C-alpha atoms as a PDB file:
ATOM      1  CA  MET A   1     112.523 138.421  83.100  1.00  0.00           C
ATOM      2  CA  LYS A   2     112.751 139.503  86.432  1.00  0.00           C
ATOM      3  CA  SER A   3     110.950 136.807  89.166  1.00  0.00           C
ATOM      4  CA  PRO A   4     108.146 138.010  91.454  1.00  0.00           C
ATOM      5  CA  LYS A   5     109.046 138.563  94.857  1.00  0.00           C
ATOM      6  CA  GLY A   6     107.379 136.067  97.292  1.00  0.00           C
ATOM      7  CA  PRO A   7     107.077 136.674 101.266  1.00  0.00           C
ATOM      8  CA  LYS A   8     109.495 138.143 102.651  1.00  0.00           C
ATOM      9  CA  GLY A   9     111.356 139.196  99.489  1.00  0.00           C
ATOM     10  CA  LEU A  10     112.122 135.810  98.404  1.00  0.00           C
ATOM     11  CA  THR A  11     112.167 135.083  94.819  1.00  0.00           C
ATOM     12  CA  ARG A  12     110.253 131.878  93.642  1.00  0.00           C
ATOM     13  CA  ARG A  13     113.718 130.440  92.890  1.00  0.00           C
ATOM     14  CA  GLN A  14     115.368 131.098  96.241  1.00  0.00           C
ATOM     15  CA  LEU A  15     111.742 129.423  97.622  1.00  0.00           C
ATOM     16  CA  LEU A  16     111.891 126.426  95.861  1.00  0.00           C
ATOM     17  CA  THR A  17     115.907 126.053  96.553  1.00  0.00           C
ATOM     18  CA  ARG A  18     114.882 126.175 100.175  1.00  0.00           C
ATOM     19  CA  VAL A  19     111.962 123.716 100.364  1.00  0.00           C
ATOM     20  CA  SER A  20     114.002 121.118  98.269  1.00  0.00           C
ATOM     21  CA  ALA A  21     116.736 121.347 100.622  1.00  0.00           C
ATOM     22  CA  ALA A  22     114.149 120.712 103.203  1.00  0.00           C
ATOM     23  CA  GLY A  23     114.191 117.140 101.975  1.00  0.00           C
ATOM     24  CA  ALA A  24     112.164 114.991  99.173  1.00  0.00           C
ATOM     25  CA  VAL A  25     108.780 114.520 100.733  1.00  0.00           C
ATOM     26  CA  PHE A  26     106.644 115.644 103.424  1.00  0.00           C
ATOM     27  CA  VAL A  27     105.197 113.541 106.156  1.00  0.00           C
ATOM     28  CA  VAL A  28     101.846 114.996 107.210  1.00  0.00           C
ATOM     29  CA  GLY A  29     100.177 113.424 109.800  1.00  0.00           C
ATOM     30  CA  SER A  30     100.149 109.678 110.292  1.00  0.00           C
ATOM     31  CA  GLY A  31     100.181 107.756 106.657  1.00  0.00           C
ATOM     32  CA  PHE A  32      99.969 110.272 104.754  1.00  0.00           C
ATOM     33  CA  MET A  33     102.688 111.750 102.504  1.00  0.00           C
ATOM     34  CA  ALA A  34     103.615 114.791 100.024  1.00  0.00           C
ATOM     35  CA  ALA A  35     106.137 115.536  97.694  1.00  0.00           C
ATOM     36  CA  LYS A  36     108.332 118.524  98.488  1.00  0.00           C
ATOM     37  CA  ASP A  37     106.731 120.126  95.256  1.00  0.00           C
ATOM     38  CA  ALA A  38     103.349 119.099  96.267  1.00  0.00           C
ATOM     39  CA  ALA A  39     102.873 117.873  92.478  1.00  0.00           C
ATOM     40  CA  TRP A  40     101.627 114.581  94.448  1.00  0.00           C
ATOM     41  CA  ALA A  41     100.610 112.945  97.997  1.00  0.00           C
ATOM     42  CA  THR A  42      99.133 110.166  98.740  1.00  0.00           C
ATOM     43  CA  GLU A  43      97.816 107.946 101.662  1.00  0.00           C
ATOM     44  CA  LEU A  44     100.443 104.997 103.096  1.00  0.00           C
ATOM     45  CA  THR A  45      99.091 102.377 105.122  1.00  0.00           C
ATOM     46  CA  THR A  46     102.306  99.844 105.419  1.00  0.00           C
ATOM     47  CA  VAL A  47     105.521 101.220 103.973  1.00  0.00           C
ATOM     48  CA  LYS A  48     107.534 103.773 105.506  1.00  0.00           C
ATOM     49  CA  PRO A  49     107.448 107.148 103.710  1.00  0.00           C
ATOM     50  CA  GLU A  50     111.146 107.197 103.077  1.00  0.00           C
ATOM     51  CA  THR A  51     110.545 103.600 101.418  1.00  0.00           C
ATOM     52  CA  PHE A  52     107.661 104.797  99.183  1.00  0.00           C
ATOM     53  CA  ALA A  53     109.768 107.921  98.031  1.00  0.00           C
ATOM     54  CA  SER A  54     112.386 105.762  97.093  1.00  0.00           C
ATOM     55  CA  LEU A  55     110.002 103.391  94.827  1.00  0.00           C
ATOM     56  CA  VAL A  56     108.805 106.465  93.052  1.00  0.00           C
ATOM     57  CA  GLN A  57     112.179 107.818  92.372  1.00  0.00           C
ATOM     58  CA  MET A  58     113.166 104.373  91.315  1.00  0.00           C
ATOM     59  CA  ALA A  59     110.059 104.178  89.117  1.00  0.00           C
ATOM     60  CA  ARG A  60     111.079 106.887  87.477  1.00  0.00           C
ATOM     61  CA  ASP A  61     114.426 106.175  87.230  1.00  0.00           C
ATOM     62  CA  ILE A  62     113.733 102.849  85.182  1.00  0.00           C
ATOM     63  CA  TYR A  63     111.262 104.104  83.043  1.00  0.00           C
ATOM     64  CA  PRO A  64     111.915 107.873  82.690  1.00  0.00           C
ATOM     65  CA  HIS A  65     109.595 110.114  80.854  1.00  0.00           C
ATOM     66  CA  ASP A  66     109.752 113.914  81.263  1.00  0.00           C
ATOM     67  CA  ARG A  67     106.507 114.522  80.241  1.00  0.00           C
ATOM     68  CA  ILE A  68     104.919 111.826  82.744  1.00  0.00           C
ATOM     69  CA  GLY A  69     104.266 113.878  86.172  1.00  0.00           C
ATOM     70  CA  ASP A  70     105.296 111.992  89.453  1.00  0.00           C
ATOM     71  CA  GLU A  71     101.556 111.237  90.623  1.00  0.00           C
ATOM     72  CA  TYR A  72     101.630 108.308  87.667  1.00  0.00           C
ATOM     73  CA  TYR A  73     104.714 106.906  89.083  1.00  0.00           C
ATOM     74  CA  VAL A  74     103.293 107.039  92.518  1.00  0.00           C
ATOM     75  CA  LEU A  75     100.028 105.048  91.199  1.00  0.00           C
ATOM     76  CA  ALA A  76     102.247 102.509  89.458  1.00  0.00           C
ATOM     77  CA  VAL A  77     104.168 101.609  92.728  1.00  0.00           C
ATOM     78  CA  LYS A  78     101.228 102.484  95.123  1.00  0.00           C
ATOM     79  CA  GLY A  79     100.224  98.540  95.142  1.00  0.00           C
ATOM     80  CA  TYR A  80     103.636  97.892  97.206  1.00  0.00           C
ATOM     81  CA  ASP A  81     101.964  99.486 100.209  1.00  0.00           C
ATOM     82  CA  ASN A  82     100.363  96.616 101.293  1.00  0.00           C
ATOM     83  CA  PRO A  83     101.117  94.304 104.316  1.00  0.00           C
ATOM     84  CA  ASP A  84     101.912  90.990 101.674  1.00  0.00           C
ATOM     85  CA  ASN A  85     104.863  93.312 100.174  1.00  0.00           C
ATOM     86  CA  ALA A  86     106.144  95.531 103.331  1.00  0.00           C
ATOM     87  CA  GLU A  87     109.070  93.259 104.530  1.00  0.00           C
ATOM     88  CA  ASP A  88     110.195  92.803 100.890  1.00  0.00           C
ATOM     89  CA  ILE A  89     109.724  96.112  99.802  1.00  0.00           C
ATOM     90  CA  GLU A  90     111.930  97.294 103.144  1.00  0.00           C
ATOM     91  CA  ALA A  91     114.369  94.957 102.744  1.00  0.00           C
ATOM     92  CA  GLY A  92     114.810  95.756  98.900  1.00  0.00           C
ATOM     93  CA  ILE A  93     114.912  99.716  99.761  1.00  0.00           C
ATOM     94  CA  GLU A  94     117.512  99.031 102.592  1.00  0.00           C
ATOM     95  CA  ALA A  95     119.573  96.882  99.708  1.00  0.00           C
ATOM     96  CA  LEU A  96     119.379  99.706  97.330  1.00  0.00           C
ATOM     97  CA  ASN A  97     120.276 102.499 100.152  1.00  0.00           C
ATOM     98  CA  SER A  98     123.485 100.051 100.840  1.00  0.00           C
ATOM     99  CA  ALA A  99     124.317  99.970  97.115  1.00  0.00           C
ATOM    100  CA  ALA A 100     124.309 103.804  97.203  1.00  0.00           C
ATOM    101  CA  ARG A 101     127.017 103.662  99.872  1.00  0.00           C
ATOM    102  CA  GLY A 102     124.741 103.987 102.664  1.00  0.00           C
ATOM    103  CA  LYS A 103     123.010 107.270 101.184  1.00  0.00           C
ATOM    104  CA  GLY A 104     119.199 107.479 100.759  1.00  0.00           C
ATOM    105  CA  PHE A 105     118.606 106.492  97.106  1.00  0.00           C
ATOM    106  CA  ALA A 106     115.532 109.069  96.927  1.00  0.00           C
ATOM    107  CA  SER A 107     117.138 111.739  98.645  1.00  0.00           C
ATOM    108  CA  TYR A 108     118.129 114.504  96.239  1.00  0.00           C
ATOM    109  CA  LEU A 109     120.948 115.742  99.048  1.00  0.00           C
ATOM    110  CA  ASP A 110     122.768 112.205  98.857  1.00  0.00           C
ATOM    111  CA  ILE A 111     122.417 111.075  95.059  1.00  0.00           C
ATOM    112  CA  GLY A 112     121.052 114.114  93.241  1.00  0.00           C
ATOM    113  CA  TRP A 113     122.375 112.902  89.578  1.00  0.00           C
ATOM    114  CA  GLU A 114     120.456 110.559  87.530  1.00  0.00           C
ATOM    115  CA  ALA A 115     123.235 108.867  86.168  1.00  0.00           C
ATOM    116  CA  ASP A 116     124.426 107.951  89.827  1.00  0.00           C
ATOM    117  CA  ARG A 117     121.192 106.763  90.632  1.00  0.00           C
ATOM    118  CA  VAL A 118     120.966 104.788  87.383  1.00  0.00           C
ATOM    119  CA  ARG A 119     124.455 103.008  88.316  1.00  0.00           C
ATOM    120  CA  VAL A 120     123.354 102.199  91.534  1.00  0.00           C
ATOM    121  CA  LEU A 121     120.267 100.437  90.029  1.00  0.00           C
ATOM    122  CA  GLN A 122     122.403  98.760  87.349  1.00  0.00           C
ATOM    123  CA  SER A 123     124.222  97.541  90.282  1.00  0.00           C
ATOM    124  CA  MET A 124     120.998  95.778  91.516  1.00  0.00           C
ATOM    125  CA  GLU A 125     119.460  94.800  88.272  1.00  0.00           C
ATOM    126  CA  GLU A 126     119.852  91.125  88.550  1.00  0.00           C
ATOM    127  CA  SER A 127     118.283  90.917  91.970  1.00  0.00           C
ATOM    128  CA  PRO A 128     114.659  89.758  92.485  1.00  0.00           C
ATOM    129  CA  PHE A 129     113.752  92.868  94.192  1.00  0.00           C
ATOM    130  CA  PHE A 130     115.014  95.186  91.090  1.00  0.00           C
ATOM    131  CA  GLN A 131     112.950  92.507  88.783  1.00  0.00           C
ATOM    132  CA  LYS A 132     109.760  92.634  90.825  1.00  0.00           C
ATOM    133  CA  ILE A 133     110.150  96.060  90.685  1.00  0.00           C
ATOM    134  CA  ARG A 134     110.609  96.440  87.367  1.00  0.00           C
ATOM    135  CA  GLY A 135     108.216  94.074  85.954  1.00  0.00           C
ATOM    136  CA  GLY A 136     105.322  95.555  87.899  1.00  0.00           C
ATOM    137  CA  LEU A 137     105.871  98.755  86.516  1.00  0.00           C
ATOM    138  CA  VAL A 138     105.412  97.820  82.977  1.00  0.00           C
ATOM    139  CA  THR A 139     101.421  97.207  83.446  1.00  0.00           C
ATOM    140  CA  GLY A 140     101.217  99.865  86.992  1.00  0.00           C
ATOM    141  CA  LEU A 141     102.526 102.698  84.917  1.00  0.00           C
ATOM    142  CA  TYR A 142     101.598 101.946  81.224  1.00  0.00           C
ATOM    143  CA  ASN A 143      98.271 100.903  81.796  1.00  0.00           C
ATOM    144  CA  GLN A 144      96.980 103.892  83.118  1.00  0.00           C
ATOM    145  CA  LYS A 145      94.499 105.400  80.716  1.00  0.00           C
ATOM    146  CA  ALA A 146      95.512 109.047  81.760  1.00  0.00           C
ATOM    147  CA  VAL A 147      99.175 108.598  80.375  1.00  0.00           C
ATOM    148  CA  TRP A 148      98.139 107.104  77.103  1.00  0.00           C
ATOM    149  CA  PRO A 149      97.751 110.365  75.744  1.00  0.00           C
ATOM    150  CA  LEU A 150     101.066 111.718  76.601  1.00  0.00           C
ATOM    151  CA  PHE A 151     102.015 108.884  74.546  1.00  0.00           C
ATOM    152  CA  GLY A 152      99.643 109.520  71.711  1.00  0.00           C
ATOM    153  CA  TYR A 153      98.199 106.301  72.390  1.00  0.00           C
ATOM    154  CA  GLU A 154      94.477 106.542  71.547  1.00  0.00           C
ATOM    155  CA  GLY A 155      93.492 103.390  73.405  1.00  0.00           C
ATOM    156  CA  ALA A 156      91.712 100.178  72.093  1.00  0.00           C
ATOM    157  CA  SER A 157      90.151 100.227  68.837  1.00  0.00           C
ATOM    158  CA  PHE A 158      88.532  97.058  68.554  1.00  0.00           C
ATOM    159  CA  GLU A 159      85.029  98.074  69.444  1.00  0.00           C
ATOM    160  CA  LEU A 160      85.659 101.162  67.268  1.00  0.00           C
ATOM    161  CA  GLY A 161      86.000  99.257  64.082  1.00  0.00           C
ATOM    162  CA  GLY A 162      90.069  98.652  64.423  1.00  0.00           C
ATOM    163  CA  TYR A 163      92.835 100.432  63.614  1.00  0.00           C
ATOM    164  CA  ILE A 164      92.405 100.448  59.619  1.00  0.00           C
ATOM    165  CA  ASP A 165      90.212 103.515  59.902  1.00  0.00           C
ATOM    166  CA  ARG A 166      91.247 105.026  63.183  1.00  0.00           C
ATOM    167  CA  GLY A 167      95.020 106.151  62.704  1.00  0.00           C
ATOM    168  CA  PHE A 168      96.462 103.177  60.693  1.00  0.00           C
ATOM    169  CA  ASN A 169      97.632 105.599  57.855  1.00  0.00           C
ATOM    170  CA  ASP A 170      98.097 108.592  59.640  1.00  0.00           C
ATOM    171  CA  ILE A 171     102.144 108.810  58.951  1.00  0.00           C
ATOM    172  CA  ASN A 172     103.065 112.443  58.266  1.00  0.00           C
ATOM    173  CA  TRP A 173     106.562 112.242  58.245  1.00  0.00           C
ATOM    174  CA  LEU A 174     106.911 110.235  54.762  1.00  0.00           C
END
């Protein structure tokens, strides 16, 4: 199948390749950030855009789910963009970049392979910064009701009579 030509004869693949080579995020105006693929955007108040991009990539590497879009990871780490956490978060991301041998952790051009990023995270997993982010992600990511259907979770059932009548015996693999 032939790719449709975009502006000036570029294929979609060529366009995406050039856009991804431009960097991980776009900063549009003051305090607003968008992903390179425009799948998500958020307004930042405290942390630097590069720091926030690293937090999102860190979240995706700690709890990787191919079926979950980046926008859910953005919501999971958005709480760290506040004055109470800013200093610790900036210092933690600096340490993360240092552990990545001075390369930008979130930059696809610097550390492009997931396995390499995971090794960097494993080297930091005992640090208070890593534990804080990992712990916050458990509730920040998995308490989002919009994510539940992606895992097949229907939500709480107490108010609907419990699980006995709502899927307890729905196993079709036996």
